[in-house]
Amino acid sequence: MTPYRENAARVDRRKRRFNKEHAKARNVVEKTFGAPKRRFWVLYNVTRIEPPKLQKLIEACVLLYNIGIFLGVRPGPIA
């Protein structure tokens, strides 16, 4: 979904509120994907990976990330 343009949001209170809620939701999504992305550098360059393989890669990284949280593992320095 795309937020309303600034001109439209200035006039209509509902559109302004939608834009505000949209920004909050986008922030949550960016934080959710940002944490595993910082730990697994392979996620920075995914443009050449076919979608079915990319889905499995993301699922594996998120699973490993969550296991790390559960076990209290902190990421080490990048070699």
PDB file of N, CA and C in Angstrom:
ATOM      1  N   MET A   1       0.838  -1.169   0.000  1.00  0.00           N
ATOM      2  CA  MET A   1       0.000   0.000   0.000  1.00  0.00           C
ATOM      3  C   MET A   1       0.887   1.237   0.000  1.00  0.00           C
ATOM      4  N   THR A   2       0.378   2.261  -0.586  1.00  0.00           N
ATOM      5  CA  THR A   2       1.114   3.513  -0.709  1.00  0.00           C
ATOM      6  C   THR A   2       0.422   4.597   0.104  1.00  0.00           C
ATOM      7  N   PRO A   3       1.193   5.411   0.811  1.00  0.00           N
ATOM      8  CA  PRO A   3       0.556   6.511   1.542  1.00  0.00           C
ATOM      9  C   PRO A   3       0.023   7.566   0.582  1.00  0.00           C
ATOM     10  N   TYR A   4      -0.885   8.371   1.087  1.00  0.00           N
ATOM     11  CA  TYR A   4      -1.420   9.471   0.279  1.00  0.00           C
ATOM     12  C   TYR A   4      -0.346  10.532   0.095  1.00  0.00           C
ATOM     13  N   ARG A   5      -0.453  11.244  -1.001  1.00  0.00           N
ATOM     14  CA  ARG A   5       0.487  12.341  -1.231  1.00  0.00           C
ATOM     15  C   ARG A   5       0.269  13.416  -0.181  1.00  0.00           C
ATOM     16  N   GLU A   6       1.306  14.173   0.059  1.00  0.00           N
ATOM     17  CA  GLU A   6       1.270  15.179   1.122  1.00  0.00           C
ATOM     18  C   GLU A   6       0.146  16.190   0.916  1.00  0.00           C
ATOM     19  N   ASN A   7      -0.088  16.609  -0.316  1.00  0.00           N
ATOM     20  CA  ASN A   7      -1.147  17.591  -0.589  1.00  0.00           C
ATOM     21  C   ASN A   7      -2.518  17.058  -0.183  1.00  0.00           C
ATOM     22  N   ALA A   8      -2.799  15.806  -0.517  1.00  0.00           N
ATOM     23  CA  ALA A   8      -4.092  15.209  -0.178  1.00  0.00           C
ATOM     24  C   ALA A   8      -4.226  15.031   1.329  1.00  0.00           C
ATOM     25  N   ALA A   9      -3.135  14.673   1.985  1.00  0.00           N
ATOM     26  CA  ALA A   9      -3.176  14.425   3.426  1.00  0.00           C
ATOM     27  C   ALA A   9      -3.367  15.714   4.220  1.00  0.00           C
ATOM     28  N   ARG A  10      -2.916  16.817   3.686  1.00  0.00           N
ATOM     29  CA  ARG A  10      -3.096  18.091   4.388  1.00  0.00           C
ATOM     30  C   ARG A  10      -4.569  18.456   4.500  1.00  0.00           C
ATOM     31  N   VAL A  11      -5.323  18.148   3.471  1.00  0.00           N
ATOM     32  CA  VAL A  11      -6.729  18.553   3.406  1.00  0.00           C
ATOM     33  C   VAL A  11      -7.630  17.604   4.189  1.00  0.00           C
ATOM     34  N   ASP A  12      -7.393  16.325   4.069  1.00  0.00           N
ATOM     35  CA  ASP A  12      -8.303  15.317   4.629  1.00  0.00           C
ATOM     36  C   ASP A  12      -7.704  14.704   5.898  1.00  0.00           C
ATOM     37  N   ARG A  13      -8.404  14.844   7.006  1.00  0.00           N
ATOM     38  CA  ARG A  13      -7.939  14.330   8.298  1.00  0.00           C
ATOM     39  C   ARG A  13      -7.789  12.808   8.268  1.00  0.00           C
ATOM     40  N   ARG A  14      -8.704  12.117   7.584  1.00  0.00           N
ATOM     41  CA  ARG A  14      -8.629  10.649   7.513  1.00  0.00           C
ATOM     42  C   ARG A  14      -7.388  10.195   6.745  1.00  0.00           C
ATOM     43  N   LYS A  15      -7.065  10.910   5.690  1.00  0.00           N
ATOM     44  CA  LYS A  15      -5.872  10.559   4.914  1.00  0.00           C
ATOM     45  C   LYS A  15      -4.604  10.831   5.721  1.00  0.00           C
ATOM     46  N   ARG A  16      -4.616  11.892   6.495  1.00  0.00           N
ATOM     47  CA  ARG A  16      -3.472  12.216   7.345  1.00  0.00           C
ATOM     48  C   ARG A  16      -3.275  11.112   8.394  1.00  0.00           C
ATOM     49  N   ARG A  17      -4.389  10.663   8.972  1.00  0.00           N
ATOM     50  CA  ARG A  17      -4.301   9.586   9.966  1.00  0.00           C
ATOM     51  C   ARG A  17      -3.824   8.284   9.322  1.00  0.00           C
ATOM     52  N   PHE A  18      -4.340   8.002   8.120  1.00  0.00           N
ATOM     53  CA  PHE A  18      -3.888   6.805   7.402  1.00  0.00           C
ATOM     54  C   PHE A  18      -2.376   6.856   7.195  1.00  0.00           C
ATOM     55  N   ASN A  19      -1.870   7.999   6.754  1.00  0.00           N
ATOM     56  CA  ASN A  19      -0.432   8.137   6.524  1.00  0.00           C
ATOM     57  C   ASN A  19       0.365   7.910   7.805  1.00  0.00           C
ATOM     58  N   LYS A  20      -0.158   8.402   8.919  1.00  0.00           N
ATOM     59  CA  LYS A  20       0.526   8.228  10.202  1.00  0.00           C
ATOM     60  C   LYS A  20       0.572   6.747  10.590  1.00  0.00           C
ATOM     61  N   GLU A  21      -0.556   6.061  10.460  1.00  0.00           N
ATOM     62  CA  GLU A  21      -0.610   4.633  10.794  1.00  0.00           C
ATOM     63  C   GLU A  21       0.233   3.812   9.818  1.00  0.00           C
ATOM     64  N   HIS A  22       0.226   4.210   8.562  1.00  0.00           N
ATOM     65  CA  HIS A  22       1.033   3.536   7.540  1.00  0.00           C
ATOM     66  C   HIS A  22       2.516   3.638   7.904  1.00  0.00           C
ATOM     67  N   ALA A  23       2.946   4.808   8.330  1.00  0.00           N
ATOM     68  CA  ALA A  23       4.345   5.011   8.712  1.00  0.00           C
ATOM     69  C   ALA A  23       4.716   4.144   9.913  1.00  0.00           C
ATOM     70  N   LYS A  24       3.817   4.029  10.886  1.00  0.00           N
ATOM     71  CA  LYS A  24       4.071   3.176  12.055  1.00  0.00           C
ATOM     72  C   LYS A  24       4.235   1.715  11.638  1.00  0.00           C
ATOM     73  N   ALA A  25       3.321   1.250  10.783  1.00  0.00           N
ATOM     74  CA  ALA A  25       3.372  -0.143  10.336  1.00  0.00           C
ATOM     75  C   ALA A  25       4.655  -0.410   9.548  1.00  0.00           C
ATOM     76  N   ARG A  26       5.016   0.526   8.702  1.00  0.00           N
ATOM     77  CA  ARG A  26       6.234   0.352   7.909  1.00  0.00           C
ATOM     78  C   ARG A  26       7.463   0.293   8.814  1.00  0.00           C
ATOM     79  N   ASN A  27       7.462   1.091   9.853  1.00  0.00           N
ATOM     80  CA  ASN A  27       8.567   1.096  10.800  1.00  0.00           C
ATOM     81  C   ASN A  27       8.707  -0.265  11.481  1.00  0.00           C
ATOM     82  N   VAL A  28       7.588  -0.859  11.865  1.00  0.00           N
ATOM     83  CA  VAL A  28       7.609  -2.181  12.503  1.00  0.00           C
ATOM     84  C   VAL A  28       8.180  -3.217  11.540  1.00  0.00           C
ATOM     85  N   VAL A  29       7.728  -3.173  10.294  1.00  0.00           N
ATOM     86  CA  VAL A  29       8.206  -4.132   9.293  1.00  0.00           C
ATOM     87  C   VAL A  29       9.706  -3.962   9.068  1.00  0.00           C
ATOM     88  N   GLU A  30      10.162  -2.726   8.947  1.00  0.00           N
ATOM     89  CA  GLU A  30      11.591  -2.481   8.721  1.00  0.00           C
ATOM     90  C   GLU A  30      12.435  -2.968   9.892  1.00  0.00           C
ATOM     91  N   LYS A  31      11.956  -2.768  11.113  1.00  0.00           N
ATOM     92  CA  LYS A  31      12.694  -3.254  12.282  1.00  0.00           C
ATOM     93  C   LYS A  31      12.695  -4.777  12.328  1.00  0.00           C
ATOM     94  N   THR A  32      11.560  -5.384  11.975  1.00  0.00           N
ATOM     95  CA  THR A  32      11.443  -6.837  12.005  1.00  0.00           C
ATOM     96  C   THR A  32      12.426  -7.486  11.045  1.00  0.00           C
ATOM     97  N   PHE A  33      12.558  -6.943   9.846  1.00  0.00           N
ATOM     98  CA  PHE A  33      13.482  -7.517   8.873  1.00  0.00           C
ATOM     99  C   PHE A  33      14.907  -7.012   9.074  1.00  0.00           C
ATOM    100  N   GLY A  34      15.070  -5.881   9.721  1.00  0.00           N
ATOM    101  CA  GLY A  34      16.398  -5.313   9.910  1.00  0.00           C
ATOM    102  C   GLY A  34      17.266  -6.104  10.864  1.00  0.00           C
ATOM    103  N   ALA A  35      16.679  -6.651  11.913  1.00  0.00           N
ATOM    104  CA  ALA A  35      17.466  -7.377  12.913  1.00  0.00           C
ATOM    105  C   ALA A  35      18.119  -8.631  12.322  1.00  0.00           C
ATOM    106  N   PRO A  36      17.374  -9.530  11.675  1.00  0.00           N
ATOM    107  CA  PRO A  36      18.038 -10.683  11.050  1.00  0.00           C
ATOM    108  C   PRO A  36      18.992 -10.263   9.928  1.00  0.00           C
ATOM    109  N   LYS A  37      18.653  -9.193   9.245  1.00  0.00           N
ATOM    110  CA  LYS A  37      19.495  -8.735   8.140  1.00  0.00           C
ATOM    111  C   LYS A  37      20.871  -8.300   8.651  1.00  0.00           C
ATOM    112  N   ARG A  38      20.912  -7.693   9.825  1.00  0.00           N
ATOM    113  CA  ARG A  38      22.195  -7.284  10.402  1.00  0.00           C
ATOM    114  C   ARG A  38      23.039  -8.497  10.800  1.00  0.00           C
ATOM    115  N   ARG A  39      22.390  -9.589  11.168  1.00  0.00           N
ATOM    116  CA  ARG A  39      23.129 -10.780  11.599  1.00  0.00           C
ATOM    117  C   ARG A  39      23.540 -11.649  10.414  1.00  0.00           C
ATOM    118  N   PHE A  40      22.716 -11.698   9.384  1.00  0.00           N
ATOM    119  CA  PHE A  40      22.979 -12.565   8.232  1.00  0.00           C
ATOM    120  C   PHE A  40      23.193 -11.703   6.993  1.00  0.00           C
ATOM    121  N   TRP A  41      24.445 -11.460   6.677  1.00  0.00           N
ATOM    122  CA  TRP A  41      24.793 -10.552   5.589  1.00  0.00           C
ATOM    123  C   TRP A  41      24.314 -11.043   4.231  1.00  0.00           C
ATOM    124  N   VAL A  42      24.037 -12.323   4.104  1.00  0.00           N
ATOM    125  CA  VAL A  42      23.545 -12.853   2.829  1.00  0.00           C
ATOM    126  C   VAL A  42      22.224 -12.183   2.437  1.00  0.00           C
ATOM    127  N   LEU A  43      21.494 -11.662   3.399  1.00  0.00           N
ATOM    128  CA  LEU A  43      20.208 -11.026   3.118  1.00  0.00           C
ATOM    129  C   LEU A  43      20.352  -9.643   2.493  1.00  0.00           C
ATOM    130  N   TYR A  44      21.568  -9.109   2.449  1.00  0.00           N
ATOM    131  CA  TYR A  44      21.761  -7.793   1.839  1.00  0.00           C
ATOM    132  C   TYR A  44      21.749  -7.843   0.318  1.00  0.00           C
ATOM    133  N   ASN A  45      22.079  -8.975  -0.271  1.00  0.00           N
ATOM    134  CA  ASN A  45      22.149  -9.063  -1.722  1.00  0.00           C
ATOM    135  C   ASN A  45      21.308 -10.242  -2.202  1.00  0.00           C
ATOM    136  N   VAL A  46      20.008 -10.052  -2.204  1.00  0.00           N
ATOM    137  CA  VAL A  46      19.096 -11.140  -2.557  1.00  0.00           C
ATOM    138  C   VAL A  46      18.487 -10.972  -3.942  1.00  0.00           C
ATOM    139  N   THR A  47      18.933  -9.983  -4.695  1.00  0.00           N
ATOM    140  CA  THR A  47      18.303  -9.690  -5.985  1.00  0.00           C
ATOM    141  C   THR A  47      18.521 -10.786  -7.013  1.00  0.00           C
ATOM    142  N   ARG A  48      19.560 -11.588  -6.859  1.00  0.00           N
ATOM    143  CA  ARG A  48      19.855 -12.626  -7.854  1.00  0.00           C
ATOM    144  C   ARG A  48      19.335 -14.000  -7.462  1.00  0.00           C
ATOM    145  N   ILE A  49      18.635 -14.077  -6.365  1.00  0.00           N
ATOM    146  CA  ILE A  49      18.122 -15.360  -5.888  1.00  0.00           C
ATOM    147  C   ILE A  49      16.688 -15.528  -6.363  1.00  0.00           C
ATOM    148  N   GLU A  50      16.392 -16.710  -6.884  1.00  0.00           N
ATOM    149  CA  GLU A  50      15.038 -16.993  -7.364  1.00  0.00           C
ATOM    150  C   GLU A  50      14.070 -17.007  -6.183  1.00  0.00           C
ATOM    151  N   PRO A  51      12.835 -16.532  -6.394  1.00  0.00           N
ATOM    152  CA  PRO A  51      11.871 -16.412  -5.285  1.00  0.00           C
ATOM    153  C   PRO A  51      11.684 -17.658  -4.422  1.00  0.00           C
ATOM    154  N   PRO A  52      11.545 -18.874  -5.002  1.00  0.00           N
ATOM    155  CA  PRO A  52      11.376 -20.035  -4.104  1.00  0.00           C
ATOM    156  C   PRO A  52      12.589 -20.256  -3.192  1.00  0.00           C
ATOM    157  N   LYS A  53      13.791 -20.071  -3.739  1.00  0.00           N
ATOM    158  CA  LYS A  53      14.998 -20.228  -2.926  1.00  0.00           C
ATOM    159  C   LYS A  53      15.121 -19.088  -1.916  1.00  0.00           C
ATOM    160  N   LEU A  54      14.720 -17.905  -2.327  1.00  0.00           N
ATOM    161  CA  LEU A  54      14.781 -16.746  -1.440  1.00  0.00           C
ATOM    162  C   LEU A  54      13.866 -16.939  -0.236  1.00  0.00           C
ATOM    163  N   GLN A  55      12.684 -17.484  -0.476  1.00  0.00           N
ATOM    164  CA  GLN A  55      11.761 -17.738   0.630  1.00  0.00           C
ATOM    165  C   GLN A  55      12.393 -18.690   1.639  1.00  0.00           C
ATOM    166  N   LYS A  56      13.012 -19.760   1.153  1.00  0.00           N
ATOM    167  CA  LYS A  56      13.653 -20.720   2.057  1.00  0.00           C
ATOM    168  C   LYS A  56      14.823 -20.084   2.800  1.00  0.00           C
ATOM    169  N   LEU A  57      15.586 -19.239   2.103  1.00  0.00           N
ATOM    170  CA  LEU A  57      16.713 -18.561   2.732  1.00  0.00           C
ATOM    171  C   LEU A  57      16.240 -17.652   3.863  1.00  0.00           C
ATOM    172  N   ILE A  58      15.197 -16.875   3.598  1.00  0.00           N
ATOM    173  CA  ILE A  58      14.668 -15.969   4.622  1.00  0.00           C
ATOM    174  C   ILE A  58      14.130 -16.758   5.809  1.00  0.00           C
ATOM    175  N   GLU A  59      13.390 -17.825   5.523  1.00  0.00           N
ATOM    176  CA  GLU A  59      12.853 -18.649   6.610  1.00  0.00           C
ATOM    177  C   GLU A  59      13.980 -19.236   7.458  1.00  0.00           C
ATOM    178  N   ALA A  60      15.050 -19.716   6.813  1.00  0.00           N
ATOM    179  CA  ALA A  60      16.175 -20.296   7.547  1.00  0.00           C
ATOM    180  C   ALA A  60      16.867 -19.241   8.412  1.00  0.00           C
ATOM    181  N   CYS A  61      17.081 -18.055   7.854  1.00  0.00           N
ATOM    182  CA  CYS A  61      17.742 -16.989   8.613  1.00  0.00           C
ATOM    183  C   CYS A  61      16.899 -16.550   9.805  1.00  0.00           C
ATOM    184  N   VAL A  62      15.599 -16.419   9.597  1.00  0.00           N
ATOM    185  CA  VAL A  62      14.720 -16.008  10.699  1.00  0.00           C
ATOM    186  C   VAL A  62      14.670 -17.095  11.770  1.00  0.00           C
ATOM    187  N   LEU A  63      14.635 -18.355  11.345  1.00  0.00           N
ATOM    188  CA  LEU A  63      14.640 -19.459  12.304  1.00  0.00           C
ATOM    189  C   LEU A  63      15.925 -19.443  13.131  1.00  0.00           C
ATOM    190  N   LEU A  64      17.067 -19.321  12.462  1.00  0.00           N
ATOM    191  CA  LEU A  64      18.342 -19.266  13.182  1.00  0.00           C
ATOM    192  C   LEU A  64      18.423 -18.040  14.086  1.00  0.00           C
ATOM    193  N   TYR A  65      17.899 -16.935  13.617  1.00  0.00           N
ATOM    194  CA  TYR A  65      17.881 -15.711  14.424  1.00  0.00           C
ATOM    195  C   TYR A  65      17.071 -15.930  15.705  1.00  0.00           C
ATOM    196  N   ASN A  66      15.885 -16.526  15.564  1.00  0.00           N
ATOM    197  CA  ASN A  66      15.025 -16.773  16.731  1.00  0.00           C
ATOM    198  C   ASN A  66      15.642 -17.786  17.687  1.00  0.00           C
ATOM    199  N   ILE A  67      16.296 -18.810  17.146  1.00  0.00           N
ATOM    200  CA  ILE A  67      16.989 -19.779  18.003  1.00  0.00           C
ATOM    201  C   ILE A  67      18.094 -19.072  18.783  1.00  0.00           C
ATOM    202  N   GLY A  68      18.809 -18.177  18.099  1.00  0.00           N
ATOM    203  CA  GLY A  68      19.859 -17.407  18.770  1.00  0.00           C
ATOM    204  C   GLY A  68      19.315 -16.578  19.915  1.00  0.00           C
ATOM    205  N   ILE A  69      18.161 -15.949  19.701  1.00  0.00           N
ATOM    206  CA  ILE A  69      17.528 -15.171  20.774  1.00  0.00           C
ATOM    207  C   ILE A  69      17.158 -16.093  21.936  1.00  0.00           C
ATOM    208  N   PHE A  70      16.553 -17.237  21.617  1.00  0.00           N
ATOM    209  CA  PHE A  70      16.119 -18.188  22.637  1.00  0.00           C
ATOM    210  C   PHE A  70      17.302 -18.680  23.472  1.00  0.00           C
ATOM    211  N   LEU A  71      18.434 -18.931  22.815  1.00  0.00           N
ATOM    212  CA  LEU A  71      19.616 -19.445  23.511  1.00  0.00           C
ATOM    213  C   LEU A  71      20.491 -18.342  24.099  1.00  0.00           C
ATOM    214  N   GLY A  72      20.145 -17.102  23.832  1.00  0.00           N
ATOM    215  CA  GLY A  72      20.922 -15.985  24.357  1.00  0.00           C
ATOM    216  C   GLY A  72      22.239 -15.762  23.632  1.00  0.00           C
ATOM    217  N   VAL A  73      22.314 -16.199  22.381  1.00  0.00           N
ATOM    218  CA  VAL A  73      23.539 -16.040  21.595  1.00  0.00           C
ATOM    219  C   VAL A  73      23.596 -14.629  21.033  1.00  0.00           C
ATOM    220  N   ARG A  74      24.720 -13.981  21.254  1.00  0.00           N
ATOM    221  CA  ARG A  74      24.911 -12.635  20.700  1.00  0.00           C
ATOM    222  C   ARG A  74      25.788 -12.749  19.460  1.00  0.00           C
ATOM    223  N   PRO A  75      25.494 -11.941  18.461  1.00  0.00           N
ATOM    224  CA  PRO A  75      26.325 -12.017  17.255  1.00  0.00           C
ATOM    225  C   PRO A  75      27.747 -11.554  17.545  1.00  0.00           C
ATOM    226  N   GLY A  76      28.701 -12.275  16.982  1.00  0.00           N
ATOM    227  CA  GLY A  76      30.101 -11.914  17.163  1.00  0.00           C
ATOM    228  C   GLY A  76      30.556 -10.943  16.092  1.00  0.00           C
ATOM    229  N   PRO A  77      31.821 -10.561  16.141  1.00  0.00           N
ATOM    230  CA  PRO A  77      32.341  -9.653  15.118  1.00  0.00           C
ATOM    231  C   PRO A  77      32.348 -10.323  13.753  1.00  0.00           C
ATOM    232  N   ILE A  78      32.176  -9.520  12.742  1.00  0.00           N
ATOM    233  CA  ILE A  78      32.153 -10.037  11.373  1.00  0.00           C
ATOM    234  C   ILE A  78      33.587 -10.238  10.916  1.00  0.00           C
ATOM    235  N   ALA A  79      33.867 -11.435  10.419  1.00  0.00           N
ATOM    236  CA  ALA A  79      35.236 -11.757   9.984  1.00  0.00           C
ATOM    237  C   ALA A  79      35.494 -11.278   8.583  1.00  0.00           C
TER     238      ALA A  79
END
